[in-house]
Amino acid sequence: MKINFITFLAAAVITLVIGFIWYNPKVFGKIWMRENNFTQEELRSGNMLKIFGFTYIFSVLISMALMSFTIHQSGAVGMIGGPPMMESAKPSFHAFMADYGTAFRTFKHGALHGFMAGLFFAFPVIGINGLFERKSWKYIFVHAGYWIVTLTLIGGIVCAYA
């Protein structure tokens, strides 16, 4: 199983693109700003290079982590000790990979698992943080919705092209 690392770099751009749309004032940006008590001036005062740079780096990490959720063959590779051990793996492993190495490697399958990661992992994490921070349900749903959509798309891209 070859891994295309360019896919992780490309998939990470999704967080920025969806964020640009999602948090636009014409979509959910006004709600997000109101729930955080932000003004336009406060938002403009941030260090955009730092914010977008670290967002992209974190997004690469997220896209790499989604590989283990979306590509089932990565579990089989892990069972033999990882990619360095593929050459010395038993013939049964190579037969398995020949038969099933590309099974369920579609955008649709990855999107399903990305959606499930958003719904069953990101949403609860955001919900817990929001509750302890005394944030509104609007705040929680705006952020959770963003991550559900974003992880769905990243999962699809990673599964189909990594």
Protein backbone atom coordinates (compact mmCIF):
# COMPACT_ATOMS: atom_id res chain seq x y z
CA MET A 1 0.00 0.00 0.00
CA LYS A 2 1.69 3.16 -1.23
CA ILE A 3 0.82 6.42 0.50
CA ASN A 4 0.52 9.62 -1.52
CA PHE A 5 1.66 12.34 0.89
CA ILE A 6 0.67 15.08 -1.55
CA THR A 7 -2.93 14.08 -0.81
CA PHE A 8 -2.53 15.11 2.84
CA LEU A 9 -1.17 18.50 1.83
CA ALA A 10 -4.01 19.01 -0.65
CA ALA A 11 -6.73 17.77 1.73
CA ALA A 12 -5.52 20.17 4.42
CA VAL A 13 -6.52 23.10 2.23
CA ILE A 14 -10.16 22.03 2.73
CA THR A 15 -10.21 23.47 6.27
CA LEU A 16 -9.27 26.89 4.91
CA VAL A 17 -11.68 26.78 1.96
CA ILE A 18 -14.66 25.54 3.99
CA GLY A 19 -13.77 27.97 6.80
CA PHE A 20 -13.71 30.87 4.36
CA ILE A 21 -17.22 29.93 3.23
CA TRP A 22 -18.67 28.72 6.56
CA TYR A 23 -17.53 31.66 8.67
CA ASN A 24 -18.38 34.24 6.02
CA PRO A 25 -20.84 36.84 7.40
CA LYS A 26 -23.35 35.79 4.72
CA VAL A 27 -23.33 32.19 5.99
CA PHE A 28 -22.57 31.64 9.72
CA GLY A 29 -20.01 34.41 10.32
CA LYS A 30 -22.39 36.86 11.96
CA ILE A 31 -23.67 34.20 14.36
CA TRP A 32 -20.09 33.11 15.13
CA MET A 33 -18.97 36.69 15.76
CA ARG A 34 -21.98 37.45 17.96
CA GLU A 35 -21.56 34.25 20.01
CA ASN A 36 -17.87 35.09 20.60
CA ASN A 37 -18.43 38.82 21.15
CA PHE A 38 -16.03 39.61 18.28
CA THR A 39 -15.99 42.79 16.26
CA GLN A 40 -14.59 43.19 12.75
CA GLU A 41 -11.78 45.30 14.18
CA GLU A 42 -10.77 42.57 16.63
CA LEU A 43 -10.72 40.00 13.84
CA ARG A 44 -8.54 42.21 11.64
CA SER A 45 -6.02 42.69 14.48
CA GLY A 46 -4.98 39.02 14.56
CA ASN A 47 -1.72 37.72 13.12
CA MET A 48 -3.14 36.14 9.95
CA LEU A 49 0.12 34.45 8.95
CA LYS A 50 0.28 32.70 12.32
CA ILE A 51 -3.44 31.82 12.35
CA PHE A 52 -3.61 30.46 8.80
CA GLY A 53 -0.13 28.90 8.95
CA PHE A 54 -0.83 26.89 12.08
CA THR A 55 -4.33 26.08 10.84
CA TYR A 56 -2.79 24.54 7.74
CA ILE A 57 -0.17 22.58 9.74
CA PHE A 58 -2.84 21.24 12.12
CA SER A 59 -5.01 20.39 9.12
CA VAL A 60 -2.22 18.29 7.60
CA LEU A 61 -2.07 16.36 10.88
CA ILE A 62 -5.86 15.90 10.82
CA SER A 63 -5.77 14.63 7.24
CA MET A 64 -3.04 12.14 8.15
CA ALA A 65 -5.03 10.93 11.16
CA LEU A 66 -8.13 10.46 9.01
CA MET A 67 -6.20 7.93 6.96
CA SER A 68 -6.51 5.41 9.79
CA PHE A 69 -10.28 6.02 9.99
CA THR A 70 -10.99 5.89 6.27
CA ILE A 71 -8.51 3.41 4.78
CA HIS A 72 -9.09 -0.01 6.28
CA GLN A 73 -5.97 -1.46 4.68
CA SER A 74 -3.83 0.69 6.97
CA GLY A 75 -4.89 -1.65 9.80
CA ALA A 76 -3.58 -4.64 7.86
CA VAL A 77 -0.28 -2.85 7.22
CA GLY A 78 -0.07 -2.03 10.93
CA MET A 79 -0.50 -5.70 11.79
CA ILE A 80 2.78 -6.56 10.06
CA GLY A 81 4.73 -3.72 11.65
CA GLY A 82 4.10 -0.88 9.21
CA PRO A 83 5.28 0.00 5.71
CA PRO A 84 8.96 -0.89 6.33
CA MET A 85 7.93 -4.51 6.91
CA MET A 86 5.83 -4.95 3.77
CA GLU A 87 8.62 -6.54 1.73
CA SER A 88 9.28 -9.20 4.38
CA ALA A 89 5.61 -9.91 5.15
CA LYS A 90 4.25 -13.42 4.80
CA PRO A 91 2.73 -14.48 1.48
CA SER A 92 -0.72 -14.46 3.08
CA PHE A 93 -0.43 -10.70 3.62
CA HIS A 94 0.51 -10.11 0.00
CA ALA A 95 -2.37 -12.34 -1.13
CA PHE A 96 -4.75 -10.39 1.10
CA MET A 97 -3.54 -7.06 -0.26
CA ALA A 98 -3.77 -8.35 -3.85
CA ASP A 99 -7.40 -9.30 -3.22
CA TYR A 100 -8.50 -6.41 -1.00
CA GLY A 101 -5.83 -3.71 -1.29
CA THR A 102 -8.14 -1.30 -3.07
CA ALA A 103 -11.45 -2.34 -1.48
CA PHE A 104 -13.49 0.58 -0.18
CA ARG A 105 -10.93 3.12 -1.44
CA THR A 106 -13.50 5.58 -2.76
CA PHE A 107 -14.43 9.18 -2.05
CA LYS A 108 -17.89 8.06 -0.95
CA HIS A 109 -16.54 5.56 1.60
CA GLY A 110 -14.01 8.05 2.98
CA ALA A 111 -16.67 10.76 3.18
CA LEU A 112 -18.87 8.42 5.22
CA HIS A 113 -16.08 7.77 7.71
CA GLY A 114 -15.11 11.45 7.77
CA PHE A 115 -18.75 12.32 8.52
CA MET A 116 -18.80 9.76 11.33
CA ALA A 117 -15.56 11.23 12.76
CA GLY A 118 -17.17 14.66 12.70
CA LEU A 119 -20.44 13.53 14.24
CA PHE A 120 -19.09 11.11 16.84
CA PHE A 121 -15.75 12.71 17.69
CA ALA A 122 -15.55 16.41 16.77
CA PHE A 123 -19.13 17.28 17.75
CA PRO A 124 -18.87 15.78 21.25
CA VAL A 125 -15.47 17.42 21.85
CA ILE A 126 -16.79 20.82 20.75
CA GLY A 127 -19.96 20.24 22.78
CA ILE A 128 -18.04 19.43 25.96
CA ASN A 129 -15.76 22.44 25.56
CA GLY A 130 -18.70 24.68 24.74
CA LEU A 131 -20.66 23.57 27.79
CA PHE A 132 -17.77 24.15 30.18
CA GLU A 133 -17.00 27.51 28.55
CA ARG A 134 -20.68 28.44 28.97
CA LYS A 135 -21.13 28.89 25.23
CA SER A 136 -24.50 28.77 23.53
CA TRP A 137 -25.88 25.89 21.51
CA LYS A 138 -25.60 28.14 18.45
CA TYR A 139 -21.86 28.37 19.04
CA ILE A 140 -21.60 24.59 19.45
CA PHE A 141 -23.67 23.83 16.34
CA VAL A 142 -21.84 26.37 14.15
CA HIS A 143 -18.45 24.86 15.01
CA ALA A 144 -19.64 21.25 14.98
CA GLY A 145 -21.32 21.75 11.61
CA TYR A 146 -18.10 23.18 10.20
CA TRP A 147 -16.08 20.19 11.39
CA ILE A 148 -18.64 17.64 10.22
CA VAL A 149 -18.61 19.11 6.70
CA THR A 150 -14.82 19.57 6.70
CA LEU A 151 -14.01 16.08 7.99
CA THR A 152 -16.48 14.58 5.51
CA LEU A 153 -14.63 16.19 2.60
CA ILE A 154 -11.15 15.48 3.94
CA GLY A 155 -12.11 11.86 4.63
CA GLY A 156 -13.34 11.46 1.07
CA ILE A 157 -10.18 12.95 -0.44
CA VAL A 158 -7.83 10.97 1.79
CA CYS A 159 -9.59 7.66 1.18
CA ALA A 160 -9.80 8.09 -2.57
CA TYR A 161 -6.35 9.52 -3.27
CA ALA A 162 -3.87 8.80 -0.41
